[in-house]
Amino acid sequence: MASKIFFNLAVKDLKKSIDFFTTLGFSFNTQFTDASATCIIIRENIFAMLLTKNVLKILPKNKFVTPIKIPKY
């Protein structure tokens, strides 16, 4: 089963950000798009969530996580 990766990016102006990424050739998942957020499809299982400050205010205030080292095989 393939994993999916979502990461959040804060934006000041969602419309301008959508226009910018559209110009670069990215498409969006409308299922996760509304007036305050959108989902950029980067690859089949990699997505970036563009979130306005209003959305970021209601998200949990988690600390940054230290990535684990994955052993090379």
PDB file of N, CA and C in Angstrom:
ATOM      1  N   MET A   1       0.846  -1.178   0.000  1.00  0.00           N
ATOM      2  CA  MET A   1       0.000   0.000   0.000  1.00  0.00           C
ATOM      3  C   MET A   1       0.893   1.244   0.000  1.00  0.00           C
ATOM      4  N   ALA A   2       0.612   2.158  -0.876  1.00  0.00           N
ATOM      5  CA  ALA A   2       1.403   3.378  -0.985  1.00  0.00           C
ATOM      6  C   ALA A   2       1.016   4.374   0.097  1.00  0.00           C
ATOM      7  N   SER A   3       2.011   5.024   0.654  1.00  0.00           N
ATOM      8  CA  SER A   3       1.764   6.081   1.633  1.00  0.00           C
ATOM      9  C   SER A   3       1.476   7.377   0.899  1.00  0.00           C
ATOM     10  N   LYS A   4       0.742   8.250   1.548  1.00  0.00           N
ATOM     11  CA  LYS A   4       0.486   9.576   1.001  1.00  0.00           C
ATOM     12  C   LYS A   4       1.142  10.595   1.911  1.00  0.00           C
ATOM     13  N   ILE A   5       1.739  11.608   1.305  1.00  0.00           N
ATOM     14  CA  ILE A   5       2.414  12.654   2.062  1.00  0.00           C
ATOM     15  C   ILE A   5       1.674  13.970   1.815  1.00  0.00           C
ATOM     16  N   PHE A   6       1.257  14.605   2.894  1.00  0.00           N
ATOM     17  CA  PHE A   6       0.643  15.925   2.848  1.00  0.00           C
ATOM     18  C   PHE A   6       1.505  16.850   3.692  1.00  0.00           C
ATOM     19  N   PHE A   7       1.812  18.035   3.190  1.00  0.00           N
ATOM     20  CA  PHE A   7       2.498  19.025   4.025  1.00  0.00           C
ATOM     21  C   PHE A   7       1.806  20.369   3.854  1.00  0.00           C
ATOM     22  N   ASN A   8       1.868  21.184   4.897  1.00  0.00           N
ATOM     23  CA  ASN A   8       1.168  22.458   4.939  1.00  0.00           C
ATOM     24  C   ASN A   8       2.104  23.614   4.621  1.00  0.00           C
ATOM     25  N   LEU A   9       1.612  24.542   3.818  1.00  0.00           N
ATOM     26  CA  LEU A   9       2.331  25.767   3.508  1.00  0.00           C
ATOM     27  C   LEU A   9       1.405  26.949   3.784  1.00  0.00           C
ATOM     28  N   ALA A  10       1.881  27.905   4.546  1.00  0.00           N
ATOM     29  CA  ALA A  10       1.094  29.097   4.834  1.00  0.00           C
ATOM     30  C   ALA A  10       1.186  30.082   3.667  1.00  0.00           C
ATOM     31  N   VAL A  11       0.054  30.664   3.303  1.00  0.00           N
ATOM     32  CA  VAL A  11       0.026  31.664   2.234  1.00  0.00           C
ATOM     33  C   VAL A  11      -0.770  32.886   2.699  1.00  0.00           C
ATOM     34  N   LYS A  12      -0.375  34.042   2.193  1.00  0.00           N
ATOM     35  CA  LYS A  12      -1.102  35.279   2.528  1.00  0.00           C
ATOM     36  C   LYS A  12      -2.316  35.456   1.630  1.00  0.00           C
ATOM     37  N   ASP A  13      -2.151  35.152   0.346  1.00  0.00           N
ATOM     38  CA  ASP A  13      -3.224  35.355  -0.624  1.00  0.00           C
ATOM     39  C   ASP A  13      -3.434  34.048  -1.383  1.00  0.00           C
ATOM     40  N   LEU A  14      -4.505  33.355  -1.065  1.00  0.00           N
ATOM     41  CA  LEU A  14      -4.750  32.033  -1.656  1.00  0.00           C
ATOM     42  C   LEU A  14      -4.951  32.120  -3.162  1.00  0.00           C
ATOM     43  N   LYS A  15      -5.700  33.089  -3.621  1.00  0.00           N
ATOM     44  CA  LYS A  15      -5.970  33.231  -5.059  1.00  0.00           C
ATOM     45  C   LYS A  15      -4.675  33.444  -5.837  1.00  0.00           C
ATOM     46  N   LYS A  16      -3.808  34.327  -5.354  1.00  0.00           N
ATOM     47  CA  LYS A  16      -2.529  34.567  -6.037  1.00  0.00           C
ATOM     48  C   LYS A  16      -1.659  33.318  -6.011  1.00  0.00           C
ATOM     49  N   SER A  17      -1.702  32.586  -4.921  1.00  0.00           N
ATOM     50  CA  SER A  17      -0.908  31.353  -4.812  1.00  0.00           C
ATOM     51  C   SER A  17      -1.416  30.297  -5.783  1.00  0.00           C
ATOM     52  N   ILE A  18      -2.735  30.163  -5.902  1.00  0.00           N
ATOM     53  CA  ILE A  18      -3.313  29.207  -6.859  1.00  0.00           C
ATOM     54  C   ILE A  18      -2.906  29.599  -8.275  1.00  0.00           C
ATOM     55  N   ASP A  19      -3.011  30.879  -8.598  1.00  0.00           N
ATOM     56  CA  ASP A  19      -2.609  31.346  -9.937  1.00  0.00           C
ATOM     57  C   ASP A  19      -1.139  31.045 -10.208  1.00  0.00           C
ATOM     58  N   PHE A  20      -0.279  31.282  -9.209  1.00  0.00           N
ATOM     59  CA  PHE A  20       1.149  31.035  -9.358  1.00  0.00           C
ATOM     60  C   PHE A  20       1.429  29.555  -9.643  1.00  0.00           C
ATOM     61  N   PHE A  21       0.880  28.664  -8.831  1.00  0.00           N
ATOM     62  CA  PHE A  21       1.151  27.238  -9.009  1.00  0.00           C
ATOM     63  C   PHE A  21       0.483  26.676 -10.266  1.00  0.00           C
ATOM     64  N   THR A  22      -0.634  27.253 -10.661  1.00  0.00           N
ATOM     65  CA  THR A  22      -1.270  26.860 -11.924  1.00  0.00           C
ATOM     66  C   THR A  22      -0.368  27.217 -13.096  1.00  0.00           C
ATOM     67  N   THR A  23       0.233  28.399 -13.042  1.00  0.00           N
ATOM     68  CA  THR A  23       1.163  28.829 -14.089  1.00  0.00           C
ATOM     69  C   THR A  23       2.364  27.889 -14.192  1.00  0.00           C
ATOM     70  N   LEU A  24       2.780  27.347 -13.052  1.00  0.00           N
ATOM     71  CA  LEU A  24       3.899  26.397 -13.054  1.00  0.00           C
ATOM     72  C   LEU A  24       3.493  25.006 -13.558  1.00  0.00           C
ATOM     73  N   GLY A  25       2.193  24.798 -13.769  1.00  0.00           N
ATOM     74  CA  GLY A  25       1.736  23.533 -14.331  1.00  0.00           C
ATOM     75  C   GLY A  25       1.148  22.553 -13.332  1.00  0.00           C
ATOM     76  N   PHE A  26       0.997  22.965 -12.074  1.00  0.00           N
ATOM     77  CA  PHE A  26       0.421  22.067 -11.070  1.00  0.00           C
ATOM     78  C   PHE A  26      -1.100  22.057 -11.179  1.00  0.00           C
ATOM     79  N   SER A  27      -1.697  20.948 -10.748  1.00  0.00           N
ATOM     80  CA  SER A  27      -3.152  20.861 -10.673  1.00  0.00           C
ATOM     81  C   SER A  27      -3.558  20.724  -9.214  1.00  0.00           C
ATOM     82  N   PHE A  28      -4.858  20.811  -8.965  1.00  0.00           N
ATOM     83  CA  PHE A  28      -5.367  20.868  -7.598  1.00  0.00           C
ATOM     84  C   PHE A  28      -6.455  19.827  -7.385  1.00  0.00           C
ATOM     85  N   ASN A  29      -6.546  19.354  -6.149  1.00  0.00           N
ATOM     86  CA  ASN A  29      -7.595  18.422  -5.767  1.00  0.00           C
ATOM     87  C   ASN A  29      -8.744  19.246  -5.199  1.00  0.00           C
ATOM     88  N   THR A  30      -9.839  19.340  -5.936  1.00  0.00           N
ATOM     89  CA  THR A  30     -10.966  20.173  -5.515  1.00  0.00           C
ATOM     90  C   THR A  30     -11.668  19.632  -4.274  1.00  0.00           C
ATOM     91  N   GLN A  31     -11.448  18.362  -3.967  1.00  0.00           N
ATOM     92  CA  GLN A  31     -12.041  17.775  -2.763  1.00  0.00           C
ATOM     93  C   GLN A  31     -11.514  18.464  -1.500  1.00  0.00           C
ATOM     94  N   PHE A  32     -10.300  18.984  -1.543  1.00  0.00           N
ATOM     95  CA  PHE A  32      -9.678  19.641  -0.396  1.00  0.00           C
ATOM     96  C   PHE A  32      -9.495  21.141  -0.627  1.00  0.00           C
ATOM     97  N   THR A  33     -10.364  21.735  -1.433  1.00  0.00           N
ATOM     98  CA  THR A  33     -10.245  23.147  -1.772  1.00  0.00           C
ATOM     99  C   THR A  33     -11.504  23.897  -1.365  1.00  0.00           C
ATOM    100  N   ASP A  34     -11.290  25.023  -0.694  1.00  0.00           N
ATOM    101  CA  ASP A  34     -12.398  25.930  -0.373  1.00  0.00           C
ATOM    102  C   ASP A  34     -11.840  27.351  -0.366  1.00  0.00           C
ATOM    103  N   ALA A  35     -12.527  28.289   0.261  1.00  0.00           N
ATOM    104  CA  ALA A  35     -12.107  29.688   0.242  1.00  0.00           C
ATOM    105  C   ALA A  35     -10.851  29.960   1.064  1.00  0.00           C
ATOM    106  N   SER A  36     -10.461  29.010   1.928  1.00  0.00           N
ATOM    107  CA  SER A  36      -9.308  29.260   2.800  1.00  0.00           C
ATOM    108  C   SER A  36      -8.184  28.235   2.658  1.00  0.00           C
ATOM    109  N   ALA A  37      -8.341  27.271   1.765  1.00  0.00           N
ATOM    110  CA  ALA A  37      -7.306  26.244   1.586  1.00  0.00           C
ATOM    111  C   ALA A  37      -7.448  25.578   0.221  1.00  0.00           C
ATOM    112  N   THR A  38      -6.338  25.025  -0.245  1.00  0.00           N
ATOM    113  CA  THR A  38      -6.368  24.223  -1.461  1.00  0.00           C
ATOM    114  C   THR A  38      -5.287  23.156  -1.376  1.00  0.00           C
ATOM    115  N   CYS A  39      -5.405  22.164  -2.211  1.00  0.00           N
ATOM    116  CA  CYS A  39      -4.476  21.036  -2.204  1.00  0.00           C
ATOM    117  C   CYS A  39      -3.807  20.928  -3.569  1.00  0.00           C
ATOM    118  N   ILE A  40      -2.494  21.129  -3.598  1.00  0.00           N
ATOM    119  CA  ILE A  40      -1.722  20.995  -4.841  1.00  0.00           C
ATOM    120  C   ILE A  40      -1.310  19.533  -4.995  1.00  0.00           C
ATOM    121  N   ILE A  41      -1.520  19.002  -6.177  1.00  0.00           N
ATOM    122  CA  ILE A  41      -1.066  17.644  -6.472  1.00  0.00           C
ATOM    123  C   ILE A  41       0.347  17.761  -7.041  1.00  0.00           C
ATOM    124  N   ILE A  42       1.320  17.289  -6.256  1.00  0.00           N
ATOM    125  CA  ILE A  42       2.709  17.365  -6.692  1.00  0.00           C
ATOM    126  C   ILE A  42       3.086  16.100  -7.453  1.00  0.00           C
ATOM    127  N   ARG A  43       2.741  14.979  -6.891  1.00  0.00           N
ATOM    128  CA  ARG A  43       2.911  13.668  -7.521  1.00  0.00           C
ATOM    129  C   ARG A  43       1.719  12.817  -7.119  1.00  0.00           C
ATOM    130  N   GLU A  44       1.703  11.585  -7.563  1.00  0.00           N
ATOM    131  CA  GLU A  44       0.559  10.711  -7.293  1.00  0.00           C
ATOM    132  C   GLU A  44       0.218  10.626  -5.809  1.00  0.00           C
ATOM    133  N   ASN A  45       1.207  10.575  -4.957  1.00  0.00           N
ATOM    134  CA  ASN A  45       0.975  10.426  -3.519  1.00  0.00           C
ATOM    135  C   ASN A  45       1.596  11.532  -2.677  1.00  0.00           C
ATOM    136  N   ILE A  46       1.910  12.676  -3.307  1.00  0.00           N
ATOM    137  CA  ILE A  46       2.507  13.799  -2.581  1.00  0.00           C
ATOM    138  C   ILE A  46       1.678  15.049  -2.854  1.00  0.00           C
ATOM    139  N   PHE A  47       1.261  15.701  -1.764  1.00  0.00           N
ATOM    140  CA  PHE A  47       0.369  16.850  -1.860  1.00  0.00           C
ATOM    141  C   PHE A  47       0.848  17.974  -0.957  1.00  0.00           C
ATOM    142  N   ALA A  48       0.639  19.205  -1.392  1.00  0.00           N
ATOM    143  CA  ALA A  48       0.921  20.370  -0.549  1.00  0.00           C
ATOM    144  C   ALA A  48      -0.392  21.084  -0.279  1.00  0.00           C
ATOM    145  N   MET A  49      -0.663  21.330   0.979  1.00  0.00           N
ATOM    146  CA  MET A  49      -1.850  22.079   1.364  1.00  0.00           C
ATOM    147  C   MET A  49      -1.460  23.542   1.518  1.00  0.00           C
ATOM    148  N   LEU A  50      -2.077  24.417   0.736  1.00  0.00           N
ATOM    149  CA  LEU A  50      -1.878  25.850   0.889  1.00  0.00           C
ATOM    150  C   LEU A  50      -2.974  26.343   1.818  1.00  0.00           C
ATOM    151  N   LEU A  51      -2.573  26.903   2.958  1.00  0.00           N
ATOM    152  CA  LEU A  51      -3.527  27.297   3.989  1.00  0.00           C
ATOM    153  C   LEU A  51      -3.382  28.779   4.321  1.00  0.00           C
ATOM    154  N   THR A  52      -4.511  29.449   4.455  1.00  0.00           N
ATOM    155  CA  THR A  52      -4.485  30.848   4.872  1.00  0.00           C
ATOM    156  C   THR A  52      -4.273  30.921   6.381  1.00  0.00           C
ATOM    157  N   LYS A  53      -3.972  32.114   6.869  1.00  0.00           N
ATOM    158  CA  LYS A  53      -3.723  32.299   8.301  1.00  0.00           C
ATOM    159  C   LYS A  53      -4.926  31.887   9.147  1.00  0.00           C
ATOM    160  N   ASN A  54      -6.139  32.095   8.646  1.00  0.00           N
ATOM    161  CA  ASN A  54      -7.336  31.719   9.399  1.00  0.00           C
ATOM    162  C   ASN A  54      -7.383  30.219   9.670  1.00  0.00           C
ATOM    163  N   VAL A  55      -6.980  29.431   8.698  1.00  0.00           N
ATOM    164  CA  VAL A  55      -6.963  27.978   8.876  1.00  0.00           C
ATOM    165  C   VAL A  55      -5.844  27.585   9.830  1.00  0.00           C
ATOM    166  N   LEU A  56      -4.693  28.196   9.677  1.00  0.00           N
ATOM    167  CA  LEU A  56      -3.562  27.858  10.541  1.00  0.00           C
ATOM    168  C   LEU A  56      -3.850  28.152  12.011  1.00  0.00           C
ATOM    169  N   LYS A  57      -4.663  29.165  12.282  1.00  0.00           N
ATOM    170  CA  LYS A  57      -4.999  29.510  13.658  1.00  0.00           C
ATOM    171  C   LYS A  57      -5.783  28.416  14.362  1.00  0.00           C
ATOM    172  N   ILE A  58      -6.560  27.642  13.619  1.00  0.00           N
ATOM    173  CA  ILE A  58      -7.397  26.617  14.261  1.00  0.00           C
ATOM    174  C   ILE A  58      -6.724  25.241  14.314  1.00  0.00           C
ATOM    175  N   LEU A  59      -5.584  25.104  13.640  1.00  0.00           N
ATOM    176  CA  LEU A  59      -4.858  23.831  13.698  1.00  0.00           C
ATOM    177  C   LEU A  59      -4.173  23.687  15.055  1.00  0.00           C
ATOM    178  N   PRO A  60      -3.976  22.466  15.499  1.00  0.00           N
ATOM    179  CA  PRO A  60      -3.270  22.261  16.775  1.00  0.00           C
ATOM    180  C   PRO A  60      -1.880  22.878  16.734  1.00  0.00           C
ATOM    181  N   LYS A  61      -1.430  23.361  17.850  1.00  0.00           N
ATOM    182  CA  LYS A  61      -0.110  23.999  17.953  1.00  0.00           C
ATOM    183  C   LYS A  61       0.954  22.960  18.301  1.00  0.00           C
ATOM    184  N   ASN A  62       1.180  22.048  17.396  1.00  0.00           N
ATOM    185  CA  ASN A  62       2.195  21.020  17.608  1.00  0.00           C
ATOM    186  C   ASN A  62       3.582  21.588  17.372  1.00  0.00           C
ATOM    187  N   LYS A  63       4.535  21.071  18.103  1.00  0.00           N
ATOM    188  CA  LYS A  63       5.920  21.467  17.897  1.00  0.00           C
ATOM    189  C   LYS A  63       6.447  20.737  16.670  1.00  0.00           C
ATOM    190  N   PHE A  64       7.547  21.245  16.148  1.00  0.00           N
ATOM    191  CA  PHE A  64       8.176  20.568  15.025  1.00  0.00           C
ATOM    192  C   PHE A  64       8.733  19.231  15.493  1.00  0.00           C
ATOM    193  N   VAL A  65       8.637  18.270  14.637  1.00  0.00           N
ATOM    194  CA  VAL A  65       9.095  16.923  14.977  1.00  0.00           C
ATOM    195  C   VAL A  65      10.482  16.719  14.397  1.00  0.00           C
ATOM    196  N   THR A  66      11.344  16.096  15.181  1.00  0.00           N
ATOM    197  CA  THR A  66      12.663  15.762  14.683  1.00  0.00           C
ATOM    198  C   THR A  66      12.558  14.498  13.840  1.00  0.00           C
ATOM    199  N   PRO A  67      12.986  14.568  12.584  1.00  0.00           N
ATOM    200  CA  PRO A  67      12.880  13.391  11.731  1.00  0.00           C
ATOM    201  C   PRO A  67      13.764  12.240  12.248  1.00  0.00           C
ATOM    202  N   ILE A  68      13.273  11.053  12.050  1.00  0.00           N
ATOM    203  CA  ILE A  68      14.068   9.883  12.457  1.00  0.00           C
ATOM    204  C   ILE A  68      15.032   9.539  11.339  1.00  0.00           C
ATOM    205  N   LYS A  69      16.134   8.917  11.716  1.00  0.00           N
ATOM    206  CA  LYS A  69      17.071   8.456  10.710  1.00  0.00           C
ATOM    207  C   LYS A  69      16.642   7.072  10.257  1.00  0.00           C
ATOM    208  N   ILE A  70      16.483   6.920   8.979  1.00  0.00           N
ATOM    209  CA  ILE A  70      16.076   5.647   8.407  1.00  0.00           C
ATOM    210  C   ILE A  70      17.341   4.919   7.955  1.00  0.00           C
ATOM    211  N   PRO A  71      17.546   3.706   8.434  1.00  0.00           N
ATOM    212  CA  PRO A  71      18.755   2.990   8.014  1.00  0.00           C
ATOM    213  C   PRO A  71      18.741   2.668   6.531  1.00  0.00           C
ATOM    214  N   LYS A  72      19.913   2.745   5.929  1.00  0.00           N
ATOM    215  CA  LYS A  72      20.054   2.389   4.515  1.00  0.00           C
ATOM    216  C   LYS A  72      20.279   0.894   4.419  1.00  0.00           C
ATOM    217  N   TYR A  73      19.615   0.284   3.485  1.00  0.00           N
ATOM    218  CA  TYR A  73      19.767  -1.171   3.287  1.00  0.00           C
ATOM    219  C   TYR A  73      20.526  -1.450   2.028  1.00  0.00           C
TER     220      TYR A  73
END
